[in-house]
PDB file of N, CA and C in Angstrom:
ATOM      1  N   UNK A   1      77.767 120.032 166.626  1.00  0.00           N
ATOM      2  CA  UNK A   1      78.130 119.810 165.228  1.00  0.00           C
ATOM      3  C   UNK A   1      79.604 120.123 164.991  1.00  0.00           C
ATOM      4  N   UNK A   2      80.095 121.178 165.607  1.00  0.00           N
ATOM      5  CA  UNK A   2      81.487 121.574 165.426  1.00  0.00           C
ATOM      6  C   UNK A   2      82.453 120.482 165.872  1.00  0.00           C
ATOM      7  N   UNK A   3      82.127 119.805 166.992  1.00  0.00           N
ATOM      8  CA  UNK A   3      82.984 118.732 167.491  1.00  0.00           C
ATOM      9  C   UNK A   3      83.127 117.610 166.481  1.00  0.00           C
ATOM     10  N   UNK A   4      82.044 117.275 165.787  1.00  0.00           N
ATOM     11  CA  UNK A   4      82.083 116.201 164.797  1.00  0.00           C
ATOM     12  C   UNK A   4      82.981 116.582 163.627  1.00  0.00           C
ATOM     13  N   UNK A   5      82.914 117.826 163.190  1.00  0.00           N
ATOM     14  CA  UNK A   5      83.768 118.276 162.086  1.00  0.00           C
ATOM     15  C   UNK A   5      85.235 118.205 162.501  1.00  0.00           C
ATOM     16  N   UNK A   6      85.549 118.686 163.716  1.00  0.00           N
ATOM     17  CA  UNK A   6      86.921 118.625 164.210  1.00  0.00           C
ATOM     18  C   UNK A   6      87.399 117.179 164.280  1.00  0.00           C
ATOM     19  N   UNK A   7      86.512 116.286 164.742  1.00  0.00           N
ATOM     20  CA  UNK A   7      86.871 114.875 164.849  1.00  0.00           C
ATOM     21  C   UNK A   7      87.185 114.297 163.476  1.00  0.00           C
ATOM     22  N   UNK A   8      86.389 114.665 162.465  1.00  0.00           N
ATOM     23  CA  UNK A   8      86.620 114.170 161.109  1.00  0.00           C
ATOM     24  C   UNK A   8      87.954 114.680 160.567  1.00  0.00           C
ATOM     25  N   UNK A   9      88.293 115.910 160.883  1.00  0.00           N
ATOM     26  CA  UNK A   9      89.542 116.483 160.396  1.00  0.00           C
ATOM     27  C   UNK A   9      90.727 115.759 161.025  1.00  0.00           C
ATOM     28  N   UNK A  10      90.605 115.387 162.292  1.00  0.00           N
ATOM     29  CA  UNK A  10      91.687 114.692 162.972  1.00  0.00           C
ATOM     30  C   UNK A  10      91.818 113.250 162.495  1.00  0.00           C
ATOM     31  N   UNK A  11      90.755 112.698 161.972  1.00  0.00           N
ATOM     32  CA  UNK A  11      90.755 111.298 161.563  1.00  0.00           C
ATOM     33  C   UNK A  11      91.022 111.213 160.065  1.00  0.00           C
ATOM     34  N   UNK A  12      92.177 110.677 159.718  1.00  0.00           N
ATOM     35  CA  UNK A  12      92.562 110.588 158.312  1.00  0.00           C
ATOM     36  C   UNK A  12      92.185 109.221 157.762  1.00  0.00           C
ATOM     37  N   UNK A  13      90.989 109.163 157.200  1.00  0.00           N
ATOM     38  CA  UNK A  13      90.504 107.925 156.600  1.00  0.00           C
ATOM     39  C   UNK A  13      91.229 107.683 155.276  1.00  0.00           C
ATOM     40  N   UNK A  14      91.101 106.482 154.773  1.00  0.00           N
ATOM     41  CA  UNK A  14      91.709 106.142 153.484  1.00  0.00           C
ATOM     42  C   UNK A  14      91.166 107.075 152.404  1.00  0.00           C
ATOM     43  N   UNK A  15      89.884 107.348 152.446  1.00  0.00           N
ATOM     44  CA  UNK A  15      89.274 108.230 151.430  1.00  0.00           C
ATOM     45  C   UNK A  15      89.891 109.619 151.483  1.00  0.00           C
ATOM     46  N   UNK A  16      90.027 110.149 152.681  1.00  0.00           N
ATOM     47  CA  UNK A  16      90.607 111.493 152.848  1.00  0.00           C
ATOM     48  C   UNK A  16      92.048 111.540 152.373  1.00  0.00           C
ATOM     49  N   UNK A  17      92.815 110.522 152.765  1.00  0.00           N
ATOM     50  CA  UNK A  17      94.209 110.456 152.326  1.00  0.00           C
ATOM     51  C   UNK A  17      94.282 110.379 150.808  1.00  0.00           C
ATOM     52  N   UNK A  18      93.389 109.575 150.211  1.00  0.00           N
ATOM     53  CA  UNK A  18      93.384 109.410 148.750  1.00  0.00           C
ATOM     54  C   UNK A  18      93.112 110.731 148.045  1.00  0.00           C
ATOM     55  N   UNK A  19      92.158 111.494 148.564  1.00  0.00           N
ATOM     56  CA  UNK A  19      91.835 112.794 147.961  1.00  0.00           C
ATOM     57  C   UNK A  19      93.041 113.718 148.046  1.00  0.00           C
ATOM     58  N   UNK A  20      93.684 113.759 149.212  1.00  0.00           N
ATOM     59  CA  UNK A  20      94.857 114.624 149.386  1.00  0.00           C
ATOM     60  C   UNK A  20      95.995 114.189 148.470  1.00  0.00           C
ATOM     61  N   UNK A  21      96.250 112.888 148.410  1.00  0.00           N
ATOM     62  CA  UNK A  21      97.326 112.377 147.553  1.00  0.00           C
ATOM     63  C   UNK A  21      97.046 112.712 146.088  1.00  0.00           C
ATOM     64  N   UNK A  22      95.813 112.532 145.645  1.00  0.00           N
ATOM     65  CA  UNK A  22      95.472 112.863 144.255  1.00  0.00           C
ATOM     66  C   UNK A  22      95.644 114.357 143.996  1.00  0.00           C
ATOM     67  N   UNK A  23      95.252 115.195 144.969  1.00  0.00           N
ATOM     68  CA  UNK A  23      95.452 116.642 144.804  1.00  0.00           C
ATOM     69  C   UNK A  23      96.931 116.971 144.646  1.00  0.00           C
ATOM     70  N   UNK A  24      97.782 116.285 145.393  1.00  0.00           N
ATOM     71  CA  UNK A  24      99.225 116.526 145.298  1.00  0.00           C
ATOM     72  C   UNK A  24      99.747 116.035 143.951  1.00  0.00           C
ATOM     73  N   UNK A  25      99.353 114.834 143.560  1.00  0.00           N
ATOM     74  CA  UNK A  25      99.804 114.276 142.277  1.00  0.00           C
ATOM     75  C   UNK A  25      99.348 115.141 141.107  1.00  0.00           C
ATOM     76  N   UNK A  26      98.133 115.679 141.192  1.00  0.00           N
ATOM     77  CA  UNK A  26      97.594 116.514 140.118  1.00  0.00           C
ATOM     78  C   UNK A  26      98.094 117.948 140.179  1.00  0.00           C
ATOM     79  N   UNK A  27      98.888 118.270 141.179  1.00  0.00           N
ATOM     80  CA  UNK A  27      99.462 119.612 141.272  1.00  0.00           C
ATOM     81  C   UNK A  27      98.518 120.652 141.838  1.00  0.00           C
ATOM     82  N   UNK A  28      97.403 120.229 142.432  1.00  0.00           N
ATOM     83  CA  UNK A  28      96.451 121.176 143.021  1.00  0.00           C
ATOM     84  C   UNK A  28      96.967 121.753 144.336  1.00  0.00           C
ATOM     85  N   UNK A  29      97.877 121.030 144.981  1.00  0.00           N
ATOM     86  CA  UNK A  29      98.514 121.489 146.217  1.00  0.00           C
ATOM     87  C   UNK A  29      99.885 120.828 146.298  1.00  0.00           C
ATOM     88  N   UNK A  30     100.666 121.257 147.256  1.00  0.00           N
ATOM     89  CA  UNK A  30     101.989 120.652 147.454  1.00  0.00           C
ATOM     90  C   UNK A  30     102.018 119.972 148.820  1.00  0.00           C
ATOM     91  N   UNK A  31     103.030 119.158 149.029  1.00  0.00           N
ATOM     92  CA  UNK A  31     103.189 118.493 150.318  1.00  0.00           C
ATOM     93  C   UNK A  31     103.370 119.538 151.418  1.00  0.00           C
ATOM     94  N   UNK A  32     104.171 120.567 151.151  1.00  0.00           N
ATOM     95  CA  UNK A  32     104.403 121.607 152.163  1.00  0.00           C
ATOM     96  C   UNK A  32     103.119 122.364 152.494  1.00  0.00           C
ATOM     97  N   UNK A  33     102.329 122.693 151.466  1.00  0.00           N
ATOM     98  CA  UNK A  33     101.063 123.391 151.706  1.00  0.00           C
ATOM     99  C   UNK A  33     100.111 122.522 152.531  1.00  0.00           C
ATOM    100  N   UNK A  34     100.030 121.242 152.184  1.00  0.00           N
ATOM    101  CA  UNK A  34      99.146 120.333 152.912  1.00  0.00           C
ATOM    102  C   UNK A  34      99.631 120.152 154.346  1.00  0.00           C
ATOM    103  N   UNK A  35     100.945 120.071 154.516  1.00  0.00           N
ATOM    104  CA  UNK A  35     101.521 119.922 155.847  1.00  0.00           C
ATOM    105  C   UNK A  35     101.119 121.098 156.738  1.00  0.00           C
ATOM    106  N   UNK A  36     101.217 122.297 156.205  1.00  0.00           N
ATOM    107  CA  UNK A  36     100.841 123.498 156.964  1.00  0.00           C
ATOM    108  C   UNK A  36      99.336 123.560 157.201  1.00  0.00           C
ATOM    109  N   UNK A  37      98.565 123.291 156.150  1.00  0.00           N
ATOM    110  CA  UNK A  37      97.106 123.415 156.239  1.00  0.00           C
ATOM    111  C   UNK A  37      96.504 122.424 157.226  1.00  0.00           C
ATOM    112  N   UNK A  38      97.052 121.216 157.287  1.00  0.00           N
ATOM    113  CA  UNK A  38      96.458 120.176 158.119  1.00  0.00           C
ATOM    114  C   UNK A  38      97.292 119.851 159.356  1.00  0.00           C
ATOM    115  N   UNK A  39      98.361 120.633 159.580  1.00  0.00           N
ATOM    116  CA  UNK A  39      99.228 120.442 160.737  1.00  0.00           C
ATOM    117  C   UNK A  39      99.706 118.990 160.838  1.00  0.00           C
ATOM    118  N   UNK A  40     100.234 118.492 159.713  1.00  0.00           N
ATOM    119  CA  UNK A  40     100.775 117.139 159.634  1.00  0.00           C
ATOM    120  C   UNK A  40     102.243 117.216 159.239  1.00  0.00           C
ATOM    121  N   UNK A  41     103.048 116.271 159.698  1.00  0.00           N
ATOM    122  CA  UNK A  41     104.453 116.255 159.261  1.00  0.00           C
ATOM    123  C   UNK A  41     104.539 115.993 157.759  1.00  0.00           C
ATOM    124  N   UNK A  42     105.377 116.736 157.087  1.00  0.00           N
ATOM    125  CA  UNK A  42     105.556 116.557 155.638  1.00  0.00           C
ATOM    126  C   UNK A  42     105.987 115.130 155.331  1.00  0.00           C
ATOM    127  N   UNK A  43     106.796 114.537 156.210  1.00  0.00           N
ATOM    128  CA  UNK A  43     107.273 113.167 155.978  1.00  0.00           C
ATOM    129  C   UNK A  43     106.111 112.169 155.947  1.00  0.00           C
ATOM    130  N   UNK A  44     105.097 112.402 156.755  1.00  0.00           N
ATOM    131  CA  UNK A  44     103.932 111.509 156.763  1.00  0.00           C
ATOM    132  C   UNK A  44     103.169 111.624 155.441  1.00  0.00           C
ATOM    133  N   UNK A  45     102.998 112.840 154.968  1.00  0.00           N
ATOM    134  CA  UNK A  45     102.298 113.051 153.699  1.00  0.00           C
ATOM    135  C   UNK A  45     103.117 112.472 152.551  1.00  0.00           C
ATOM    136  N   UNK A  46     104.436 112.644 152.594  1.00  0.00           N
ATOM    137  CA  UNK A  46     105.310 112.055 151.567  1.00  0.00           C
ATOM    138  C   UNK A  46     105.138 110.543 151.539  1.00  0.00           C
ATOM    139  N   UNK A  47     105.032 109.932 152.716  1.00  0.00           N
ATOM    140  CA  UNK A  47     104.833 108.476 152.805  1.00  0.00           C
ATOM    141  C   UNK A  47     103.512 108.090 152.141  1.00  0.00           C
ATOM    142  N   UNK A  48     102.448 108.860 152.396  1.00  0.00           N
ATOM    143  CA  UNK A  48     101.147 108.574 151.767  1.00  0.00           C
ATOM    144  C   UNK A  48     101.256 108.659 150.252  1.00  0.00           C
ATOM    145  N   UNK A  49     101.966 109.679 149.764  1.00  0.00           N
ATOM    146  CA  UNK A  49     102.118 109.859 148.314  1.00  0.00           C
ATOM    147  C   UNK A  49     102.877 108.680 147.714  1.00  0.00           C
ATOM    148  N   UNK A  50     103.961 108.264 148.365  1.00  0.00           N
ATOM    149  CA  UNK A  50     104.734 107.124 147.866  1.00  0.00           C
ATOM    150  C   UNK A  50     103.901 105.847 147.862  1.00  0.00           C
ATOM    151  N   UNK A  51     103.147 105.623 148.943  1.00  0.00           N
ATOM    152  CA  UNK A  51     102.276 104.447 149.002  1.00  0.00           C
ATOM    153  C   UNK A  51     101.210 104.515 147.909  1.00  0.00           C
ATOM    154  N   UNK A  52     100.675 105.704 147.677  1.00  0.00           N
ATOM    155  CA  UNK A  52      99.675 105.885 146.625  1.00  0.00           C
ATOM    156  C   UNK A  52     100.239 105.574 145.254  1.00  0.00           C
ATOM    157  N   UNK A  53     101.449 106.053 144.993  1.00  0.00           N
ATOM    158  CA  UNK A  53     102.098 105.774 143.701  1.00  0.00           C
ATOM    159  C   UNK A  53     102.362 104.281 143.543  1.00  0.00           C
ATOM    160  N   UNK A  54     102.815 103.647 144.631  1.00  0.00           N
ATOM    161  CA  UNK A  54     103.092 102.210 144.584  1.00  0.00           C
ATOM    162  C   UNK A  54     101.802 101.434 144.304  1.00  0.00           C
ATOM    163  N   UNK A  55     100.720 101.835 144.963  1.00  0.00           N
ATOM    164  CA  UNK A  55      99.424 101.184 144.747  1.00  0.00           C
ATOM    165  C   UNK A  55      98.926 101.392 143.330  1.00  0.00           C
ATOM    166  N   UNK A  56      99.124 102.592 142.811  1.00  0.00           N
ATOM    167  CA  UNK A  56      98.699 102.896 141.449  1.00  0.00           C
ATOM    168  C   UNK A  56      99.491 102.067 140.447  1.00  0.00           C
ATOM    169  N   UNK A  57     100.789 101.968 140.641  1.00  0.00           N
ATOM    170  CA  UNK A  57     101.622 101.163 139.746  1.00  0.00           C
ATOM    171  C   UNK A  57     101.176  99.709 139.777  1.00  0.00           C
ATOM    172  N   UNK A  58     100.885  99.209 140.973  1.00  0.00           N
ATOM    173  CA  UNK A  58     100.441  97.820 141.090  1.00  0.00           C
ATOM    174  C   UNK A  58      99.100  97.624 140.387  1.00  0.00           C
ATOM    175  N   UNK A  59      98.191  98.573 140.544  1.00  0.00           N
ATOM    176  CA  UNK A  59      96.865  98.453 139.938  1.00  0.00           C
ATOM    177  C   UNK A  59      96.954  98.432 138.417  1.00  0.00           C
ATOM    178  N   UNK A  60      97.968  99.065 137.861  1.00  0.00           N
ATOM    179  CA  UNK A  60      98.098  99.145 136.405  1.00  0.00           C
ATOM    180  C   UNK A  60      98.897  97.991 135.812  1.00  0.00           C
ATOM    181  N   UNK A  61      99.374  97.088 136.649  1.00  0.00           N
ATOM    182  CA  UNK A  61     100.088  95.916 136.139  1.00  0.00           C
ATOM    183  C   UNK A  61      99.107  95.001 135.413  1.00  0.00           C
ATOM    184  N   UNK A  62      99.633  94.180 134.524  1.00  0.00           N
ATOM    185  CA  UNK A  62      98.799  93.209 133.838  1.00  0.00           C
ATOM    186  C   UNK A  62      98.223  92.221 134.855  1.00  0.00           C
ATOM    187  N   UNK A  63      99.065  91.762 135.771  1.00  0.00           N
ATOM    188  CA  UNK A  63      98.638  90.852 136.839  1.00  0.00           C
ATOM    189  C   UNK A  63      98.967  91.491 138.179  1.00  0.00           C
ATOM    190  N   UNK A  64      98.055  92.325 138.704  1.00  0.00           N
ATOM    191  CA  UNK A  64      98.360  93.020 139.962  1.00  0.00           C
ATOM    192  C   UNK A  64      98.653  92.045 141.097  1.00  0.00           C
ATOM    193  N   UNK A  65      99.605  92.432 141.930  1.00  0.00           N
ATOM    194  CA  UNK A  65      99.927  91.649 143.119  1.00  0.00           C
ATOM    195  C   UNK A  65      98.912  91.996 144.199  1.00  0.00           C
ATOM    196  N   UNK A  66      98.534  91.010 144.992  1.00  0.00           N
ATOM    197  CA  UNK A  66      97.681  91.379 146.111  1.00  0.00           C
ATOM    198  C   UNK A  66      98.549  92.023 147.190  1.00  0.00           C
ATOM    199  N   UNK A  67      97.913  92.697 148.112  1.00  0.00           N
ATOM    200  CA  UNK A  67      98.634  93.462 149.129  1.00  0.00           C
ATOM    201  C   UNK A  67      99.545  92.547 149.943  1.00  0.00           C
ATOM    202  N   UNK A  68      99.047  91.378 150.288  1.00  0.00           N
ATOM    203  CA  UNK A  68      99.855  90.460 151.089  1.00  0.00           C
ATOM    204  C   UNK A  68     101.139  90.074 150.352  1.00  0.00           C
ATOM    205  N   UNK A  69     101.016  89.788 149.065  1.00  0.00           N
ATOM    206  CA  UNK A  69     102.187  89.416 148.273  1.00  0.00           C
ATOM    207  C   UNK A  69     103.175  90.574 148.201  1.00  0.00           C
ATOM    208  N   UNK A  70     102.655  91.804 148.066  1.00  0.00           N
ATOM    209  CA  UNK A  70     103.529  92.981 148.037  1.00  0.00           C
ATOM    210  C   UNK A  70     104.326  93.080 149.333  1.00  0.00           C
ATOM    211  N   UNK A  71     103.645  92.960 150.478  1.00  0.00           N
ATOM    212  CA  UNK A  71     104.324  93.078 151.764  1.00  0.00           C
ATOM    213  C   UNK A  71     105.297  91.932 151.984  1.00  0.00           C
ATOM    214  N   UNK A  72     104.907  90.725 151.583  1.00  0.00           N
ATOM    215  CA  UNK A  72     105.808  89.587 151.730  1.00  0.00           C
ATOM    216  C   UNK A  72     107.074  89.801 150.908  1.00  0.00           C
ATOM    217  N   UNK A  73     106.923  90.369 149.723  1.00  0.00           N
ATOM    218  CA  UNK A  73     108.080  90.662 148.873  1.00  0.00           C
ATOM    219  C   UNK A  73     108.972  91.721 149.525  1.00  0.00           C
ATOM    220  N   UNK A  74     108.344  92.768 150.078  1.00  0.00           N
ATOM    221  CA  UNK A  74     109.103  93.818 150.751  1.00  0.00           C
ATOM    222  C   UNK A  74     109.836  93.260 151.967  1.00  0.00           C
ATOM    223  N   UNK A  75     109.152  92.411 152.745  1.00  0.00           N
ATOM    224  CA  UNK A  75     109.778  91.805 153.930  1.00  0.00           C
ATOM    225  C   UNK A  75     110.960  90.942 153.517  1.00  0.00           C
ATOM    226  N   UNK A  76     110.789  90.151 152.467  1.00  0.00           N
ATOM    227  CA  UNK A  76     111.866  89.288 151.988  1.00  0.00           C
ATOM    228  C   UNK A  76     113.078  90.134 151.575  1.00  0.00           C
ATOM    229  N   UNK A  77     112.830  91.229 150.853  1.00  0.00           N
ATOM    230  CA  UNK A  77     113.920  92.116 150.436  1.00  0.00           C
ATOM    231  C   UNK A  77     114.628  92.732 151.643  1.00  0.00           C
ATOM    232  N   UNK A  78     113.841  93.158 152.639  1.00  0.00           N
ATOM    233  CA  UNK A  78     114.431  93.751 153.840  1.00  0.00           C
ATOM    234  C   UNK A  78     115.227  92.721 154.635  1.00  0.00           C
ATOM    235  N   UNK A  79     114.692  91.497 154.734  1.00  0.00           N
ATOM    236  CA  UNK A  79     115.419  90.448 155.452  1.00  0.00           C
ATOM    237  C   UNK A  79     116.737  90.130 154.754  1.00  0.00           C
ATOM    238  N   UNK A  80     116.716  90.107 153.438  1.00  0.00           N
ATOM    239  CA  UNK A  80     117.938  89.836 152.684  1.00  0.00           C
ATOM    240  C   UNK A  80     118.954  90.955 152.914  1.00  0.00           C
ATOM    241  N   UNK A  81     118.501  92.192 152.849  1.00  0.00           N
ATOM    242  CA  UNK A  81     119.402  93.323 153.076  1.00  0.00           C
ATOM    243  C   UNK A  81     119.962  93.291 154.494  1.00  0.00           C
ATOM    244  N   UNK A  82     119.119  92.942 155.473  1.00  0.00           N
ATOM    245  CA  UNK A  82     119.565  92.848 156.859  1.00  0.00           C
ATOM    246  C   UNK A  82     120.624  91.753 156.998  1.00  0.00           C
ATOM    247  N   UNK A  83     120.361  90.604 156.390  1.00  0.00           N
ATOM    248  CA  UNK A  83     121.321  89.499 156.447  1.00  0.00           C
ATOM    249  C   UNK A  83     122.663  89.880 155.847  1.00  0.00           C
ATOM    250  N   UNK A  84     122.619  90.567 154.704  1.00  0.00           N
ATOM    251  CA  UNK A  84     123.858  91.007 154.058  1.00  0.00           C
ATOM    252  C   UNK A  84     124.602  92.005 154.936  1.00  0.00           C
ATOM    253  N   UNK A  85     123.872  92.907 155.579  1.00  0.00           N
ATOM    254  CA  UNK A  85     124.500  93.901 156.458  1.00  0.00           C
ATOM    255  C   UNK A  85     125.142  93.216 157.660  1.00  0.00           C
ATOM    256  N   UNK A  86     124.474  92.203 158.207  1.00  0.00           N
ATOM    257  CA  UNK A  86     125.030  91.479 159.351  1.00  0.00           C
ATOM    258  C   UNK A  86     126.300  90.728 158.957  1.00  0.00           C
ATOM    259  N   UNK A  87     126.298  90.111 157.775  1.00  0.00           N
ATOM    260  CA  UNK A  87     127.496  89.414 157.305  1.00  0.00           C
ATOM    261  C   UNK A  87     128.655  90.384 157.140  1.00  0.00           C
ATOM    262  N   UNK A  88     128.357  91.549 156.576  1.00  0.00           N
ATOM    263  CA  UNK A  88     129.394  92.566 156.381  1.00  0.00           C
ATOM    264  C   UNK A  88     129.926  93.042 157.729  1.00  0.00           C
ATOM    265  N   UNK A  89     129.029  93.238 158.680  1.00  0.00           N
ATOM    266  CA  UNK A  89     129.432  93.686 160.011  1.00  0.00           C
ATOM    267  C   UNK A  89     130.295  92.629 160.694  1.00  0.00           C
ATOM    268  N   UNK A  90     129.907  91.366 160.593  1.00  0.00           N
ATOM    269  CA  UNK A  90     130.708  90.286 161.187  1.00  0.00           C
ATOM    270  C   UNK A  90     132.094  90.227 160.546  1.00  0.00           C
ATOM    271  N   UNK A  91     132.135  90.407 159.225  1.00  0.00           N
ATOM    272  CA  UNK A  91     133.420  90.409 158.524  1.00  0.00           C
ATOM    273  C   UNK A  91     134.322  91.524 159.021  1.00  0.00           C
ATOM    274  N   UNK A  92     133.760  92.695 159.234  1.00  0.00           N
ATOM    275  CA  UNK A  92     134.549  93.825 159.732  1.00  0.00           C
ATOM    276  C   UNK A  92     135.021  93.570 161.157  1.00  0.00           C
ATOM    277  N   UNK A  93     134.149  92.978 161.976  1.00  0.00           N
ATOM    278  CA  UNK A  93     134.552  92.668 163.353  1.00  0.00           C
ATOM    279  C   UNK A  93     135.683  91.648 163.355  1.00  0.00           C
ATOM    280  N   UNK A  94     135.581  90.656 162.465  1.00  0.00           N
ATOM    281  CA  UNK A  94     136.615  89.631 162.365  1.00  0.00           C
ATOM    282  C   UNK A  94     137.948  90.259 161.950  1.00  0.00           C
ATOM    283  N   UNK A  95     137.882  91.174 160.949  1.00  0.00           N
ATOM    284  CA  UNK A  95     139.103  91.855 160.501  1.00  0.00           C
ATOM    285  C   UNK A  95     139.710  92.661 161.638  1.00  0.00           C
ATOM    286  N   UNK A  96     138.865  93.375 162.381  1.00  0.00           N
ATOM    287  CA  UNK A  96     139.361  94.197 163.480  1.00  0.00           C
ATOM    288  C   UNK A  96     139.964  93.343 164.579  1.00  0.00           C
ATOM    289  N   UNK A  97     139.341  92.211 164.895  1.00  0.00           N
ATOM    290  CA  UNK A  97     139.893  91.365 165.956  1.00  0.00           C
ATOM    291  C   UNK A  97     141.179  90.686 165.484  1.00  0.00           C
ATOM    292  N   UNK A  98     141.251  90.327 164.192  1.00  0.00           N
ATOM    293  CA  UNK A  98     142.490  89.736 163.645  1.00  0.00           C
ATOM    294  C   UNK A  98     143.616  90.767 163.683  1.00  0.00           C
ATOM    295  N   UNK A  99     143.302  91.987 163.328  1.00  0.00           N
ATOM    296  CA  UNK A  99     144.317  93.045 163.344  1.00  0.00           C
ATOM    297  C   UNK A  99     144.779  93.304 164.779  1.00  0.00           C
ATOM    298  N   UNK A 100     143.850  93.270 165.735  1.00  0.00           N
ATOM    299  CA  UNK A 100     144.204  93.496 167.145  1.00  0.00           C
ATOM    300  C   UNK A 100     145.068  92.349 167.663  1.00  0.00           C
ATOM    301  N   UNK A 101     144.758  91.099 167.236  1.00  0.00           N
ATOM    302  CA  UNK A 101     145.559  89.938 167.629  1.00  0.00           C
ATOM    303  C   UNK A 101     146.974  90.052 167.101  1.00  0.00           C
ATOM    304  N   UNK A 102     147.111  90.502 165.851  1.00  0.00           N
ATOM    305  CA  UNK A 102     148.423  90.632 165.243  1.00  0.00           C
ATOM    306  C   UNK A 102     149.246  91.697 165.951  1.00  0.00           C
ATOM    307  N   UNK A 103     148.575  92.791 166.352  1.00  0.00           N
ATOM    308  CA  UNK A 103     149.285  93.876 167.036  1.00  0.00           C
ATOM    309  C   UNK A 103     149.777  93.424 168.406  1.00  0.00           C
ATOM    310  N   UNK A 104     149.023  92.557 169.078  1.00  0.00           N
ATOM    311  CA  UNK A 104     149.421  92.135 170.425  1.00  0.00           C
ATOM    312  C   UNK A 104     150.522  91.081 170.385  1.00  0.00           C
ATOM    313  N   UNK A 105     150.752  90.472 169.229  1.00  0.00           N
ATOM    314  CA  UNK A 105     151.818  89.454 169.106  1.00  0.00           C
ATOM    315  C   UNK A 105     153.118  90.075 168.818  1.00  0.00           C
TER     316      UNK A 105
END
């Protein structure tokens, strides 16, 4: 019986995560306390809390987005940011190579 309890503690199901996130949101515990109690990285618990808040906000919308649409939107935003960063990086490389060309002349 003890092995099964240990196995359940190691396995963080959606239900378990939801209970912990709600306890944190309701102020019944803190991320640091949960991190120590369950031997989990605080950053992982913070991620669960953020995902929980995002899900809650979506659920309270007049027209909730489905999960796929949410992820597609996030991917599109990340791809756009990546593209902008690459353009900026190319521009800086171009400036540096132009400056190096001018110095060698």
